[in-house]
């Protein structure tokens, strides 16, 4: 979550800086440059808005690692007593070693 927050903040800062730079550009020039500046400004503002919404929603996200731990029941504290009390828990063996009944 910290990494994602850092990325969101970095992208937001870059967008804000680029918007400030575009505002400092002298007006005028060919019509194409003016339209390009307007398009870039619009794209930067939308990106900034998206990143700010993303930043607000960071605490609502459930990442794969957290979701997987919950699925496996590994998201809480464990104690050996928890497993000893479970009669359905075994150690992977379905028969005793050497206890096969061979007819030969």
PDB file of N, CA and C in Angstrom:
ATOM      1  N   UNK A   1       0.823  -1.183   0.000  1.00  0.00           N
ATOM      2  CA  UNK A   1       0.000   0.000   0.000  1.00  0.00           C
ATOM      3  C   UNK A   1       0.874   1.255   0.000  1.00  0.00           C
ATOM      4  N   UNK A   2       1.989   1.201   0.720  1.00  0.00           N
ATOM      5  CA  UNK A   2       2.894   2.353   0.766  1.00  0.00           C
ATOM      6  C   UNK A   2       3.473   2.638  -0.614  1.00  0.00           C
ATOM      7  N   UNK A   3       3.844   1.576  -1.322  1.00  0.00           N
ATOM      8  CA  UNK A   3       4.402   1.753  -2.671  1.00  0.00           C
ATOM      9  C   UNK A   3       3.385   2.392  -3.603  1.00  0.00           C
ATOM     10  N   UNK A   4       2.142   1.908  -3.538  1.00  0.00           N
ATOM     11  CA  UNK A   4       1.117   2.450  -4.418  1.00  0.00           C
ATOM     12  C   UNK A   4       0.831   3.915  -4.086  1.00  0.00           C
ATOM     13  N   UNK A   5       0.824   4.246  -2.806  1.00  0.00           N
ATOM     14  CA  UNK A   5       0.626   5.628  -2.391  1.00  0.00           C
ATOM     15  C   UNK A   5       1.751   6.508  -2.929  1.00  0.00           C
ATOM     16  N   UNK A   6       2.966   6.017  -2.860  1.00  0.00           N
ATOM     17  CA  UNK A   6       4.113   6.783  -3.374  1.00  0.00           C
ATOM     18  C   UNK A   6       3.988   7.014  -4.880  1.00  0.00           C
ATOM     19  N   UNK A   7       3.531   6.001  -5.610  1.00  0.00           N
ATOM     20  CA  UNK A   7       3.357   6.139  -7.060  1.00  0.00           C
ATOM     21  C   UNK A   7       2.277   7.153  -7.369  1.00  0.00           C
ATOM     22  N   UNK A   8       1.160   7.067  -6.653  1.00  0.00           N
ATOM     23  CA  UNK A   8       0.054   8.005  -6.876  1.00  0.00           C
ATOM     24  C   UNK A   8       0.516   9.431  -6.612  1.00  0.00           C
ATOM     25  N   UNK A   9       1.230   9.630  -5.523  1.00  0.00           N
ATOM     26  CA  UNK A   9       1.713  10.973  -5.193  1.00  0.00           C
ATOM     27  C   UNK A   9       2.727  11.474  -6.229  1.00  0.00           C
ATOM     28  N   UNK A  10       3.599  10.598  -6.700  1.00  0.00           N
ATOM     29  CA  UNK A  10       4.596  11.007  -7.696  1.00  0.00           C
ATOM     30  C   UNK A  10       3.923  11.414  -9.006  1.00  0.00           C
ATOM     31  N   UNK A  11       2.953  10.629  -9.458  1.00  0.00           N
ATOM     32  CA  UNK A  11       2.257  10.967 -10.701  1.00  0.00           C
ATOM     33  C   UNK A  11       1.474  12.261 -10.537  1.00  0.00           C
ATOM     34  N   UNK A  12       0.850  12.450  -9.380  1.00  0.00           N
ATOM     35  CA  UNK A  12       0.108  13.681  -9.123  1.00  0.00           C
ATOM     36  C   UNK A  12       1.030  14.892  -9.167  1.00  0.00           C
ATOM     37  N   UNK A  13       2.195  14.762  -8.553  1.00  0.00           N
ATOM     38  CA  UNK A  13       3.161  15.868  -8.554  1.00  0.00           C
ATOM     39  C   UNK A  13       3.620  16.207  -9.964  1.00  0.00           C
ATOM     40  N   UNK A  14       3.882  15.190 -10.778  1.00  0.00           N
ATOM     41  CA  UNK A  14       4.322  15.415 -12.153  1.00  0.00           C
ATOM     42  C   UNK A  14       3.227  16.116 -12.953  1.00  0.00           C
ATOM     43  N   UNK A  15       1.983  15.673 -12.765  1.00  0.00           N
ATOM     44  CA  UNK A  15       0.865  16.306 -13.474  1.00  0.00           C
ATOM     45  C   UNK A  15       0.705  17.765 -13.064  1.00  0.00           C
ATOM     46  N   UNK A  16       0.771  18.034 -11.760  1.00  0.00           N
ATOM     47  CA  UNK A  16       0.649  19.407 -11.283  1.00  0.00           C
ATOM     48  C   UNK A  16       1.786  20.278 -11.816  1.00  0.00           C
ATOM     49  N   UNK A  17       2.994  19.733 -11.820  1.00  0.00           N
ATOM     50  CA  UNK A  17       4.145  20.474 -12.336  1.00  0.00           C
ATOM     51  C   UNK A  17       3.991  20.769 -13.828  1.00  0.00           C
ATOM     52  N   UNK A  18       3.532  19.776 -14.584  1.00  0.00           N
ATOM     53  CA  UNK A  18       3.343  19.975 -16.021  1.00  0.00           C
ATOM     54  C   UNK A  18       2.256  20.999 -16.290  1.00  0.00           C
ATOM     55  N   UNK A  19       1.197  20.992 -15.493  1.00  0.00           N
ATOM     56  CA  UNK A  19       0.137  21.990 -15.658  1.00  0.00           C
ATOM     57  C   UNK A  19       0.654  23.396 -15.386  1.00  0.00           C
ATOM     58  N   UNK A  20       1.486  23.529 -14.372  1.00  0.00           N
ATOM     59  CA  UNK A  20       2.089  24.835 -14.079  1.00  0.00           C
ATOM     60  C   UNK A  20       2.993  25.281 -15.226  1.00  0.00           C
ATOM     61  N   UNK A  21       3.757  24.351 -15.766  1.00  0.00           N
ATOM     62  CA  UNK A  21       4.640  24.682 -16.887  1.00  0.00           C
ATOM     63  C   UNK A  21       3.838  25.131 -18.103  1.00  0.00           C
ATOM     64  N   UNK A  22       2.719  24.467 -18.359  1.00  0.00           N
ATOM     65  CA  UNK A  22       1.888  24.852 -19.501  1.00  0.00           C
ATOM     66  C   UNK A  22       1.280  26.233 -19.308  1.00  0.00           C
ATOM     67  N   UNK A  23       0.965  26.587 -18.073  1.00  0.00           N
ATOM     68  CA  UNK A  23       0.406  27.911 -17.808  1.00  0.00           C
ATOM     69  C   UNK A  23       1.448  29.004 -17.989  1.00  0.00           C
ATOM     70  N   UNK A  24       2.713  28.674 -17.861  1.00  0.00           N
ATOM     71  CA  UNK A  24       3.781  29.662 -17.999  1.00  0.00           C
ATOM     72  C   UNK A  24       4.195  29.880 -19.449  1.00  0.00           C
ATOM     73  N   UNK A  25       3.727  29.022 -20.341  1.00  0.00           N
ATOM     74  CA  UNK A  25       4.089  29.167 -21.749  1.00  0.00           C
ATOM     75  C   UNK A  25       3.447  30.424 -22.314  1.00  0.00           C
ATOM     76  N   UNK A  26       4.171  31.113 -23.172  1.00  0.00           N
ATOM     77  CA  UNK A  26       3.593  32.319 -23.769  1.00  0.00           C
ATOM     78  C   UNK A  26       2.425  31.957 -24.688  1.00  0.00           C
ATOM     79  N   UNK A  27       1.417  32.780 -24.685  1.00  0.00           N
ATOM     80  CA  UNK A  27       0.257  32.578 -25.550  1.00  0.00           C
ATOM     81  C   UNK A  27       0.627  32.944 -26.976  1.00  0.00           C
ATOM     82  N   UNK A  28      -0.251  32.575 -27.891  1.00  0.00           N
ATOM     83  CA  UNK A  28      -0.004  32.923 -29.291  1.00  0.00           C
ATOM     84  C   UNK A  28       0.659  31.784 -30.024  1.00  0.00           C
ATOM     85  N   UNK A  29       1.236  32.095 -31.147  1.00  0.00           N
ATOM     86  CA  UNK A  29       1.872  31.066 -31.944  1.00  0.00           C
ATOM     87  C   UNK A  29       0.860  30.425 -32.863  1.00  0.00           C
ATOM     88  N   UNK A  30       1.293  29.418 -33.568  1.00  0.00           N
ATOM     89  CA  UNK A  30       0.390  28.754 -34.497  1.00  0.00           C
ATOM     90  C   UNK A  30      -0.799  28.120 -33.767  1.00  0.00           C
ATOM     91  N   UNK A  31      -1.876  27.994 -34.472  1.00  0.00           N
ATOM     92  CA  UNK A  31      -3.105  27.441 -33.907  1.00  0.00           C
ATOM     93  C   UNK A  31      -2.913  25.998 -33.453  1.00  0.00           C
ATOM     94  N   UNK A  32      -2.056  25.266 -34.131  1.00  0.00           N
ATOM     95  CA  UNK A  32      -1.804  23.870 -33.774  1.00  0.00           C
ATOM     96  C   UNK A  32      -1.201  23.774 -32.377  1.00  0.00           C
ATOM     97  N   UNK A  33      -0.280  24.664 -32.069  1.00  0.00           N
ATOM     98  CA  UNK A  33       0.358  24.639 -30.741  1.00  0.00           C
ATOM     99  C   UNK A  33      -0.663  24.953 -29.647  1.00  0.00           C
ATOM    100  N   UNK A  34      -1.571  25.861 -29.917  1.00  0.00           N
ATOM    101  CA  UNK A  34      -2.595  26.212 -28.940  1.00  0.00           C
ATOM    102  C   UNK A  34      -3.504  25.016 -28.684  1.00  0.00           C
ATOM    103  N   UNK A  35      -3.917  24.315 -29.753  1.00  0.00           N
ATOM    104  CA  UNK A  35      -4.775  23.143 -29.579  1.00  0.00           C
ATOM    105  C   UNK A  35      -4.038  22.026 -28.851  1.00  0.00           C
ATOM    106  N   UNK A  36      -2.762  21.889 -29.154  1.00  0.00           N
ATOM    107  CA  UNK A  36      -1.954  20.867 -28.484  1.00  0.00           C
ATOM    108  C   UNK A  36      -1.860  21.165 -26.992  1.00  0.00           C
ATOM    109  N   UNK A  37      -1.642  22.407 -26.654  1.00  0.00           N
ATOM    110  CA  UNK A  37      -1.548  22.794 -25.246  1.00  0.00           C
ATOM    111  C   UNK A  37      -2.874  22.518 -24.539  1.00  0.00           C
ATOM    112  N   UNK A  38      -3.984  22.822 -25.198  1.00  0.00           N
ATOM    113  CA  UNK A  38      -5.302  22.565 -24.606  1.00  0.00           C
ATOM    114  C   UNK A  38      -5.519  21.060 -24.386  1.00  0.00           C
ATOM    115  N   UNK A  39      -5.125  20.263 -25.362  1.00  0.00           N
ATOM    116  CA  UNK A  39      -5.278  18.811 -25.243  1.00  0.00           C
ATOM    117  C   UNK A  39      -4.416  18.257 -24.112  1.00  0.00           C
ATOM    118  N   UNK A  40      -3.188  18.737 -24.032  1.00  0.00           N
ATOM    119  CA  UNK A  40      -2.294  18.268 -22.967  1.00  0.00           C
ATOM    120  C   UNK A  40      -2.823  18.684 -21.602  1.00  0.00           C
ATOM    121  N   UNK A  41      -3.331  19.897 -21.510  1.00  0.00           N
ATOM    122  CA  UNK A  41      -3.881  20.381 -20.250  1.00  0.00           C
ATOM    123  C   UNK A  41      -5.070  19.520 -19.830  1.00  0.00           C
ATOM    124  N   UNK A  42      -5.946  19.229 -20.776  1.00  0.00           N
ATOM    125  CA  UNK A  42      -7.117  18.405 -20.487  1.00  0.00           C
ATOM    126  C   UNK A  42      -6.701  17.002 -20.031  1.00  0.00           C
ATOM    127  N   UNK A  43      -5.733  16.414 -20.727  1.00  0.00           N
ATOM    128  CA  UNK A  43      -5.261  15.070 -20.367  1.00  0.00           C
ATOM    129  C   UNK A  43      -4.603  15.071 -18.990  1.00  0.00           C
ATOM    130  N   UNK A  44      -3.807  16.080 -18.704  1.00  0.00           N
ATOM    131  CA  UNK A  44      -3.142  16.159 -17.404  1.00  0.00           C
ATOM    132  C   UNK A  44      -4.160  16.346 -16.284  1.00  0.00           C
ATOM    133  N   UNK A  45      -5.165  17.170 -16.502  1.00  0.00           N
ATOM    134  CA  UNK A  45      -6.185  17.392 -15.474  1.00  0.00           C
ATOM    135  C   UNK A  45      -6.967  16.117 -15.208  1.00  0.00           C
ATOM    136  N   UNK A  46      -7.315  15.388 -16.260  1.00  0.00           N
ATOM    137  CA  UNK A  46      -8.045  14.133 -16.067  1.00  0.00           C
ATOM    138  C   UNK A  46      -7.184  13.101 -15.348  1.00  0.00           C
ATOM    139  N   UNK A  47      -5.916  13.046 -15.704  1.00  0.00           N
ATOM    140  CA  UNK A  47      -5.006  12.119 -15.027  1.00  0.00           C
ATOM    141  C   UNK A  47      -4.883  12.481 -13.558  1.00  0.00           C
ATOM    142  N   UNK A  48      -4.753  13.760 -13.280  1.00  0.00           N
ATOM    143  CA  UNK A  48      -4.643  14.222 -11.898  1.00  0.00           C
ATOM    144  C   UNK A  48      -5.913  13.893 -11.114  1.00  0.00           C
ATOM    145  N   UNK A  49      -7.073  14.123 -11.710  1.00  0.00           N
ATOM    146  CA  UNK A  49      -8.339  13.788 -11.044  1.00  0.00           C
ATOM    147  C   UNK A  49      -8.418  12.288 -10.747  1.00  0.00           C
ATOM    148  N   UNK A  50      -8.031  11.472 -11.723  1.00  0.00           N
ATOM    149  CA  UNK A  50      -8.052  10.019 -11.532  1.00  0.00           C
ATOM    150  C   UNK A  50      -7.117   9.620 -10.391  1.00  0.00           C
ATOM    151  N   UNK A  51      -5.921  10.169 -10.362  1.00  0.00           N
ATOM    152  CA  UNK A  51      -4.951   9.801  -9.336  1.00  0.00           C
ATOM    153  C   UNK A  51      -5.423  10.249  -7.954  1.00  0.00           C
ATOM    154  N   UNK A  52      -6.095  11.389  -7.866  1.00  0.00           N
ATOM    155  CA  UNK A  52      -6.611  11.833  -6.571  1.00  0.00           C
ATOM    156  C   UNK A  52      -7.726  10.908  -6.086  1.00  0.00           C
ATOM    157  N   UNK A  53      -8.595  10.451  -6.996  1.00  0.00           N
ATOM    158  CA  UNK A  53      -9.626   9.475  -6.622  1.00  0.00           C
ATOM    159  C   UNK A  53      -8.983   8.155  -6.196  1.00  0.00           C
ATOM    160  N   UNK A  54      -7.944   7.759  -6.923  1.00  0.00           N
ATOM    161  CA  UNK A  54      -7.229   6.523  -6.610  1.00  0.00           C
ATOM    162  C   UNK A  54      -6.591   6.620  -5.223  1.00  0.00           C
ATOM    163  N   UNK A  55      -6.046   7.778  -4.899  1.00  0.00           N
ATOM    164  CA  UNK A  55      -5.410   7.989  -3.597  1.00  0.00           C
ATOM    165  C   UNK A  55      -6.438   7.867  -2.470  1.00  0.00           C
ATOM    166  N   UNK A  56      -7.633   8.411  -2.695  1.00  0.00           N
ATOM    167  CA  UNK A  56      -8.674   8.332  -1.677  1.00  0.00           C
ATOM    168  C   UNK A  56      -9.150   6.900  -1.460  1.00  0.00           C
ATOM    169  N   UNK A  57      -9.079   6.076  -2.497  1.00  0.00           N
ATOM    170  CA  UNK A  57      -9.597   4.714  -2.419  1.00  0.00           C
ATOM    171  C   UNK A  57      -8.537   3.684  -2.028  1.00  0.00           C
ATOM    172  N   UNK A  58      -7.323   4.097  -1.766  1.00  0.00           N
ATOM    173  CA  UNK A  58      -6.259   3.130  -1.454  1.00  0.00           C
ATOM    174  C   UNK A  58      -6.592   2.260  -0.248  1.00  0.00           C
ATOM    175  N   UNK A  59      -7.191   2.849   0.773  1.00  0.00           N
ATOM    176  CA  UNK A  59      -7.471   2.069   1.974  1.00  0.00           C
ATOM    177  C   UNK A  59      -8.621   1.079   1.772  1.00  0.00           C
ATOM    178  N   UNK A  60      -9.371   1.222   0.681  1.00  0.00           N
ATOM    179  CA  UNK A  60     -10.476   0.308   0.393  1.00  0.00           C
ATOM    180  C   UNK A  60     -10.043  -0.903  -0.423  1.00  0.00           C
ATOM    181  N   UNK A  61      -8.851  -0.843  -0.992  1.00  0.00           N
ATOM    182  CA  UNK A  61      -8.375  -1.928  -1.848  1.00  0.00           C
ATOM    183  C   UNK A  61      -7.943  -3.127  -1.025  1.00  0.00           C
ATOM    184  N   UNK A  62      -8.229  -4.293  -1.564  1.00  0.00           N
ATOM    185  CA  UNK A  62      -7.734  -5.521  -0.959  1.00  0.00           C
ATOM    186  C   UNK A  62      -6.786  -6.150  -1.977  1.00  0.00           C
ATOM    187  N   UNK A  63      -5.549  -6.235  -1.624  1.00  0.00           N
ATOM    188  CA  UNK A  63      -4.538  -6.724  -2.547  1.00  0.00           C
ATOM    189  C   UNK A  63      -4.552  -8.250  -2.614  1.00  0.00           C
ATOM    190  N   UNK A  64      -3.997  -8.785  -3.661  1.00  0.00           N
ATOM    191  CA  UNK A  64      -4.003 -10.238  -3.886  1.00  0.00           C
ATOM    192  C   UNK A  64      -3.442 -10.984  -2.685  1.00  0.00           C
ATOM    193  N   UNK A  65      -2.329 -10.511  -2.161  1.00  0.00           N
ATOM    194  CA  UNK A  65      -1.679 -11.197  -1.044  1.00  0.00           C
ATOM    195  C   UNK A  65      -2.625 -11.281   0.159  1.00  0.00           C
ATOM    196  N   UNK A  66      -3.299 -10.174   0.482  1.00  0.00           N
ATOM    197  CA  UNK A  66      -4.224 -10.174   1.606  1.00  0.00           C
ATOM    198  C   UNK A  66      -5.410 -11.100   1.345  1.00  0.00           C
ATOM    199  N   UNK A  67      -5.951 -11.049   0.133  1.00  0.00           N
ATOM    200  CA  UNK A  67      -7.095 -11.878  -0.233  1.00  0.00           C
ATOM    201  C   UNK A  67      -6.733 -13.363  -0.170  1.00  0.00           C
ATOM    202  N   UNK A  68      -5.547 -13.704  -0.644  1.00  0.00           N
ATOM    203  CA  UNK A  68      -5.106 -15.103  -0.648  1.00  0.00           C
ATOM    204  C   UNK A  68      -4.899 -15.617   0.778  1.00  0.00           C
ATOM    205  N   UNK A  69      -4.315 -14.800   1.638  1.00  0.00           N
ATOM    206  CA  UNK A  69      -4.136 -15.205   3.033  1.00  0.00           C
ATOM    207  C   UNK A  69      -5.478 -15.455   3.708  1.00  0.00           C
ATOM    208  N   UNK A  70      -6.467 -14.610   3.405  1.00  0.00           N
ATOM    209  CA  UNK A  70      -7.797 -14.820   3.968  1.00  0.00           C
ATOM    210  C   UNK A  70      -8.411 -16.113   3.453  1.00  0.00           C
ATOM    211  N   UNK A  71      -8.249 -16.367   2.147  1.00  0.00           N
ATOM    212  CA  UNK A  71      -8.782 -17.603   1.564  1.00  0.00           C
ATOM    213  C   UNK A  71      -8.200 -18.841   2.241  1.00  0.00           C
ATOM    214  N   UNK A  72      -6.935 -18.775   2.595  1.00  0.00           N
ATOM    215  CA  UNK A  72      -6.261 -19.917   3.221  1.00  0.00           C
ATOM    216  C   UNK A  72      -6.427 -19.949   4.738  1.00  0.00           C
ATOM    217  N   UNK A  73      -7.070 -18.916   5.279  1.00  0.00           N
ATOM    218  CA  UNK A  73      -7.252 -18.845   6.727  1.00  0.00           C
ATOM    219  C   UNK A  73      -5.978 -18.492   7.462  1.00  0.00           C
ATOM    220  N   UNK A  74      -5.056 -17.827   6.797  1.00  0.00           N
ATOM    221  CA  UNK A  74      -3.761 -17.487   7.398  1.00  0.00           C
ATOM    222  C   UNK A  74      -3.656 -16.014   7.763  1.00  0.00           C
ATOM    223  N   UNK A  75      -4.786 -15.335   7.876  1.00  0.00           N
ATOM    224  CA  UNK A  75      -4.772 -13.901   8.131  1.00  0.00           C
ATOM    225  C   UNK A  75      -4.917 -13.557   9.608  1.00  0.00           C
ATOM    226  N   UNK A  76      -4.867 -14.566  10.487  1.00  0.00           N
ATOM    227  CA  UNK A  76      -4.987 -14.319  11.916  1.00  0.00           C
ATOM    228  C   UNK A  76      -3.868 -15.053  12.660  1.00  0.00           C
ATOM    229  N   UNK A  77      -3.790 -14.764  13.938  1.00  0.00           N
ATOM    230  CA  UNK A  77      -2.765 -15.394  14.766  1.00  0.00           C
ATOM    231  C   UNK A  77      -3.023 -16.896  14.851  1.00  0.00           C
ATOM    232  N   UNK A  78      -1.958 -17.686  14.945  1.00  0.00           N
ATOM    233  CA  UNK A  78      -2.057 -19.138  15.022  1.00  0.00           C
ATOM    234  C   UNK A  78      -1.424 -19.622  16.309  1.00  0.00           C
ATOM    235  N   UNK A  79      -2.016 -20.624  16.881  1.00  0.00           N
ATOM    236  CA  UNK A  79      -1.402 -21.278  18.035  1.00  0.00           C
ATOM    237  C   UNK A  79      -1.534 -22.790  17.849  1.00  0.00           C
ATOM    238  N   UNK A  80      -0.590 -23.572  18.365  1.00  0.00           N
ATOM    239  CA  UNK A  80      -0.647 -25.033  18.206  1.00  0.00           C
ATOM    240  C   UNK A  80      -1.918 -25.642  18.787  1.00  0.00           C
ATOM    241  N   UNK A  81      -2.485 -25.025  19.820  1.00  0.00           N
ATOM    242  CA  UNK A  81      -3.692 -25.549  20.443  1.00  0.00           C
ATOM    243  C   UNK A  81      -4.868 -25.535  19.460  1.00  0.00           C
ATOM    244  N   UNK A  82      -4.877 -24.576  18.544  1.00  0.00           N
ATOM    245  CA  UNK A  82      -5.960 -24.508  17.563  1.00  0.00           C
ATOM    246  C   UNK A  82      -6.026 -25.785  16.737  1.00  0.00           C
ATOM    247  N   UNK A  83      -4.876 -26.303  16.341  1.00  0.00           N
ATOM    248  CA  UNK A  83      -4.839 -27.489  15.492  1.00  0.00           C
ATOM    249  C   UNK A  83      -5.010 -28.771  16.292  1.00  0.00           C
ATOM    250  N   UNK A  84      -4.552 -28.795  17.516  1.00  0.00           N
ATOM    251  CA  UNK A  84      -4.672 -30.003  18.321  1.00  0.00           C
ATOM    252  C   UNK A  84      -6.124 -30.292  18.676  1.00  0.00           C
ATOM    253  N   UNK A  85      -6.936 -29.298  18.719  1.00  0.00           N
ATOM    254  CA  UNK A  85      -8.337 -29.459  19.083  1.00  0.00           C
ATOM    255  C   UNK A  85      -9.191 -29.877  17.897  1.00  0.00           C
ATOM    256  N   UNK A  86      -8.654 -29.863  16.703  1.00  0.00           N
ATOM    257  CA  UNK A  86      -9.411 -30.180  15.495  1.00  0.00           C
ATOM    258  C   UNK A  86      -9.274 -31.668  15.182  1.00  0.00           C
ATOM    259  N   UNK A  87     -10.337 -32.476  15.348  1.00  0.00           N
ATOM    260  CA  UNK A  87     -10.229 -33.925  15.110  1.00  0.00           C
ATOM    261  C   UNK A  87     -10.066 -34.269  13.624  1.00  0.00           C
ATOM    262  N   UNK A  88     -10.443 -33.371  12.741  1.00  0.00           N
ATOM    263  CA  UNK A  88     -10.331 -33.643  11.304  1.00  0.00           C
ATOM    264  C   UNK A  88      -8.932 -33.393  10.759  1.00  0.00           C
ATOM    265  N   UNK A  89      -8.072 -32.817  11.567  1.00  0.00           N
ATOM    266  CA  UNK A  89      -6.719 -32.499  11.105  1.00  0.00           C
ATOM    267  C   UNK A  89      -5.836 -33.733  11.183  1.00  0.00           C
ATOM    268  N   UNK A  90      -5.132 -34.019  10.088  1.00  0.00           N
ATOM    269  CA  UNK A  90      -4.179 -35.122  10.104  1.00  0.00           C
ATOM    270  C   UNK A  90      -2.893 -34.653   9.450  1.00  0.00           C
ATOM    271  N   UNK A  91      -1.934 -35.527   9.384  1.00  0.00           N
ATOM    272  CA  UNK A  91      -0.639 -35.137   8.865  1.00  0.00           C
ATOM    273  C   UNK A  91      -0.398 -35.675   7.473  1.00  0.00           C
ATOM    274  N   UNK A  92      -1.459 -35.919   6.730  1.00  0.00           N
ATOM    275  CA  UNK A  92      -1.337 -36.296   5.330  1.00  0.00           C
ATOM    276  C   UNK A  92      -1.297 -37.781   5.070  1.00  0.00           C
ATOM    277  N   UNK A  93      -1.187 -38.632   6.086  1.00  0.00           N
ATOM    278  CA  UNK A  93      -1.147 -40.075   5.869  1.00  0.00           C
ATOM    279  C   UNK A  93      -2.534 -40.649   6.084  1.00  0.00           C
ATOM    280  N   UNK A  94      -2.924 -41.552   5.193  1.00  0.00           N
ATOM    281  CA  UNK A  94      -4.247 -42.157   5.301  1.00  0.00           C
ATOM    282  C   UNK A  94      -4.195 -43.569   5.869  1.00  0.00           C
ATOM    283  N   UNK A  95      -3.002 -44.127   6.063  1.00  0.00           N
ATOM    284  CA  UNK A  95      -2.865 -45.457   6.653  1.00  0.00           C
ATOM    285  C   UNK A  95      -1.561 -45.509   7.445  1.00  0.00           C
ATOM    286  N   UNK A  96      -1.472 -46.470   8.298  1.00  0.00           N
ATOM    287  CA  UNK A  96      -0.274 -46.635   9.110  1.00  0.00           C
ATOM    288  C   UNK A  96       0.838 -47.239   8.268  1.00  0.00           C
ATOM    289  N   UNK A  97       2.080 -46.833   8.452  1.00  0.00           N
ATOM    290  CA  UNK A  97       3.183 -47.449   7.707  1.00  0.00           C
ATOM    291  C   UNK A  97       3.272 -48.932   8.025  1.00  0.00           C
ATOM    292  N   UNK A  98       3.414 -49.769   6.987  1.00  0.00           N
ATOM    293  CA  UNK A  98       3.539 -51.193   7.150  1.00  0.00           C
ATOM    294  C   UNK A  98       2.233 -51.888   7.485  1.00  0.00           C
ATOM    295  N   UNK A  99       1.139 -51.177   7.425  1.00  0.00           N
ATOM    296  CA  UNK A  99      -0.129 -51.753   7.798  1.00  0.00           C
ATOM    297  C   UNK A  99      -0.965 -52.208   6.621  1.00  0.00           C
ATOM    298  N   UNK A 100      -0.324 -52.482   5.496  1.00  0.00           N
ATOM    299  CA  UNK A 100      -1.090 -52.895   4.308  1.00  0.00           C
ATOM    300  C   UNK A 100      -1.458 -54.354   4.408  1.00  0.00           C
ATOM    301  N   UNK A 101      -2.628 -54.697   3.941  1.00  0.00           N
ATOM    302  CA  UNK A 101      -3.083 -56.094   3.918  1.00  0.00           C
ATOM    303  C   UNK A 101      -2.884 -56.626   2.502  1.00  0.00           C
ATOM    304  N   UNK A 102      -1.735 -57.209   2.247  1.00  0.00           N
ATOM    305  CA  UNK A 102      -1.474 -57.790   0.917  1.00  0.00           C
ATOM    306  C   UNK A 102      -1.890 -59.252   0.925  1.00  0.00           C
ATOM    307  N   UNK A 103      -2.517 -59.675  -0.171  1.00  0.00           N
ATOM    308  CA  UNK A 103      -2.971 -61.061  -0.273  1.00  0.00           C
ATOM    309  C   UNK A 103      -1.941 -61.962  -0.941  1.00  0.00           C
ATOM    310  N   UNK A 104      -0.783 -61.640  -1.134  1.00  0.00           N
ATOM    311  CA  UNK A 104       0.119 -62.462  -1.908  1.00  0.00           C
ATOM    312  C   UNK A 104       1.003 -63.227  -1.055  1.00  0.00           C
TER     313      UNK A 104
END
